[in-house]
């Protein structure tokens, strides 16, 4: 099953990604904030590597 959320043009078709997102959505807000902080840092670092490669 594919999901389109908000104004995004990205359709997630990877079942493992969807399962992870659903699990995160069920967690308390504090846990979600911790997970998203880590994800944001990884994305920031990945984008910096791309910019300087």
N, C-alpha and C. Protein backbone atom coordinates (compact mmCIF):
# COMPACT_ATOMS: atom_id res chain seq x y z
N UNK A 1 0.84 -1.18 0.00
CA UNK A 1 0.00 0.00 0.00
C UNK A 1 0.89 1.24 0.00
N UNK A 2 0.56 2.22 -0.81
CA UNK A 2 1.31 3.47 -0.89
C UNK A 2 0.57 4.56 -0.14
N UNK A 3 1.34 5.48 0.47
CA UNK A 3 0.75 6.57 1.21
C UNK A 3 1.33 7.89 0.72
N UNK A 4 0.48 8.88 0.60
CA UNK A 4 0.92 10.23 0.29
C UNK A 4 0.40 11.11 1.42
N UNK A 5 1.34 11.74 2.12
CA UNK A 5 0.96 12.52 3.29
C UNK A 5 1.28 13.99 3.05
N UNK A 6 0.36 14.85 3.39
CA UNK A 6 0.60 16.29 3.28
C UNK A 6 0.79 16.72 1.83
N UNK A 7 1.70 17.67 1.65
CA UNK A 7 1.95 18.22 0.33
C UNK A 7 3.13 17.55 -0.37
N UNK A 8 3.58 16.43 0.14
CA UNK A 8 4.75 15.76 -0.40
C UNK A 8 4.41 15.06 -1.71
N UNK A 9 5.39 15.02 -2.61
CA UNK A 9 5.22 14.29 -3.86
C UNK A 9 5.89 12.92 -3.77
N UNK A 10 6.38 12.57 -2.58
CA UNK A 10 7.07 11.30 -2.38
C UNK A 10 6.05 10.23 -2.00
N UNK A 11 6.10 9.12 -2.71
CA UNK A 11 5.26 7.98 -2.37
C UNK A 11 6.17 6.89 -1.84
N UNK A 12 5.91 6.46 -0.61
CA UNK A 12 6.74 5.45 0.03
C UNK A 12 6.17 4.08 -0.33
N UNK A 13 7.00 3.27 -0.99
CA UNK A 13 6.55 1.94 -1.40
C UNK A 13 7.31 0.84 -0.66
N UNK A 14 8.32 1.21 0.12
CA UNK A 14 9.09 0.24 0.87
C UNK A 14 8.33 -0.14 2.14
N UNK A 15 7.93 -1.40 2.24
CA UNK A 15 7.11 -1.84 3.36
C UNK A 15 7.81 -1.66 4.70
N UNK A 16 9.13 -1.89 4.76
CA UNK A 16 9.86 -1.74 6.01
C UNK A 16 9.86 -0.29 6.48
N UNK A 17 9.99 0.65 5.55
CA UNK A 17 9.95 2.06 5.91
C UNK A 17 8.57 2.41 6.47
N UNK A 18 7.53 1.94 5.81
CA UNK A 18 6.17 2.22 6.28
C UNK A 18 5.93 1.64 7.67
N UNK A 19 6.40 0.42 7.89
CA UNK A 19 6.24 -0.20 9.21
C UNK A 19 6.95 0.60 10.30
N UNK A 20 8.13 1.11 9.97
CA UNK A 20 8.87 1.92 10.94
C UNK A 20 8.15 3.22 11.23
N UNK A 21 7.63 3.86 10.19
CA UNK A 21 6.90 5.11 10.38
C UNK A 21 5.66 4.87 11.23
N UNK A 22 4.96 3.78 10.99
CA UNK A 22 3.77 3.47 11.79
C UNK A 22 4.15 3.22 13.25
N UNK A 23 5.26 2.53 13.48
CA UNK A 23 5.71 2.26 14.85
C UNK A 23 6.07 3.57 15.55
N UNK A 24 6.74 4.47 14.85
CA UNK A 24 7.10 5.77 15.42
C UNK A 24 5.84 6.56 15.75
N UNK A 25 4.85 6.53 14.87
CA UNK A 25 3.62 7.27 15.08
C UNK A 25 2.89 6.81 16.34
N UNK A 26 3.08 5.55 16.73
CA UNK A 26 2.43 5.02 17.93
C UNK A 26 3.17 5.36 19.21
N UNK A 27 4.37 5.87 19.12
CA UNK A 27 5.19 6.16 20.30
C UNK A 27 4.80 7.48 20.94
N UNK A 28 5.13 7.64 22.22
CA UNK A 28 4.92 8.94 22.88
C UNK A 28 5.75 10.04 22.20
N UNK A 29 5.30 11.27 22.32
CA UNK A 29 5.95 12.40 21.66
C UNK A 29 7.43 12.53 22.02
N UNK A 30 7.79 12.27 23.27
CA UNK A 30 9.20 12.36 23.67
C UNK A 30 10.08 11.39 22.87
N UNK A 31 9.59 10.16 22.69
CA UNK A 31 10.33 9.19 21.91
C UNK A 31 10.42 9.60 20.44
N UNK A 32 9.33 10.11 19.93
CA UNK A 32 9.33 10.58 18.54
C UNK A 32 10.36 11.69 18.35
N UNK A 33 10.40 12.62 19.30
CA UNK A 33 11.35 13.73 19.21
C UNK A 33 12.78 13.23 19.20
N UNK A 34 13.09 12.23 20.01
CA UNK A 34 14.44 11.66 20.04
C UNK A 34 14.78 11.02 18.71
N UNK A 35 13.86 10.24 18.18
CA UNK A 35 14.10 9.57 16.90
C UNK A 35 14.31 10.59 15.80
N UNK A 36 13.46 11.61 15.74
CA UNK A 36 13.57 12.60 14.68
C UNK A 36 14.82 13.46 14.83
N UNK A 37 15.30 13.67 16.04
CA UNK A 37 16.56 14.38 16.23
C UNK A 37 17.72 13.61 15.62
N UNK A 38 17.72 12.31 15.83
CA UNK A 38 18.78 11.47 15.25
C UNK A 38 18.66 11.44 13.73
N UNK A 39 17.45 11.26 13.22
CA UNK A 39 17.24 11.24 11.77
C UNK A 39 17.67 12.57 11.15
N UNK A 40 17.28 13.67 11.78
CA UNK A 40 17.64 15.00 11.26
C UNK A 40 19.16 15.17 11.21
N UNK A 41 19.86 14.70 12.23
CA UNK A 41 21.32 14.82 12.26
C UNK A 41 21.95 13.98 11.15
N UNK A 42 21.44 12.78 10.94
CA UNK A 42 21.97 11.92 9.87
C UNK A 42 21.73 12.53 8.49
N UNK A 43 20.55 13.08 8.29
CA UNK A 43 20.24 13.73 7.01
C UNK A 43 21.13 14.95 6.80
N UNK A 44 21.31 15.76 7.85
CA UNK A 44 22.18 16.94 7.76
C UNK A 44 23.59 16.54 7.37
N UNK A 45 24.13 15.50 8.05
CA UNK A 45 25.48 15.05 7.75
C UNK A 45 25.61 14.48 6.34
N UNK A 46 24.60 13.74 5.91
CA UNK A 46 24.60 13.18 4.56
C UNK A 46 24.59 14.30 3.51
N UNK A 47 23.76 15.29 3.73
CA UNK A 47 23.69 16.41 2.78
C UNK A 47 25.00 17.21 2.76
N UNK A 48 25.64 17.34 3.90
CA UNK A 48 26.94 18.04 3.95
C UNK A 48 27.99 17.24 3.17
N UNK A 49 27.99 15.94 3.33
CA UNK A 49 28.94 15.10 2.59
C UNK A 49 28.73 15.26 1.09
N UNK A 50 27.47 15.26 0.66
CA UNK A 50 27.17 15.42 -0.76
C UNK A 50 27.65 16.76 -1.27
N UNK A 51 27.47 17.80 -0.47
CA UNK A 51 27.82 19.15 -0.89
C UNK A 51 29.34 19.31 -1.05
N UNK A 52 30.10 18.59 -0.26
CA UNK A 52 31.56 18.75 -0.29
C UNK A 52 32.27 17.62 -1.00
N UNK A 53 31.52 16.76 -1.64
CA UNK A 53 32.13 15.61 -2.35
C UNK A 53 32.58 15.99 -3.74
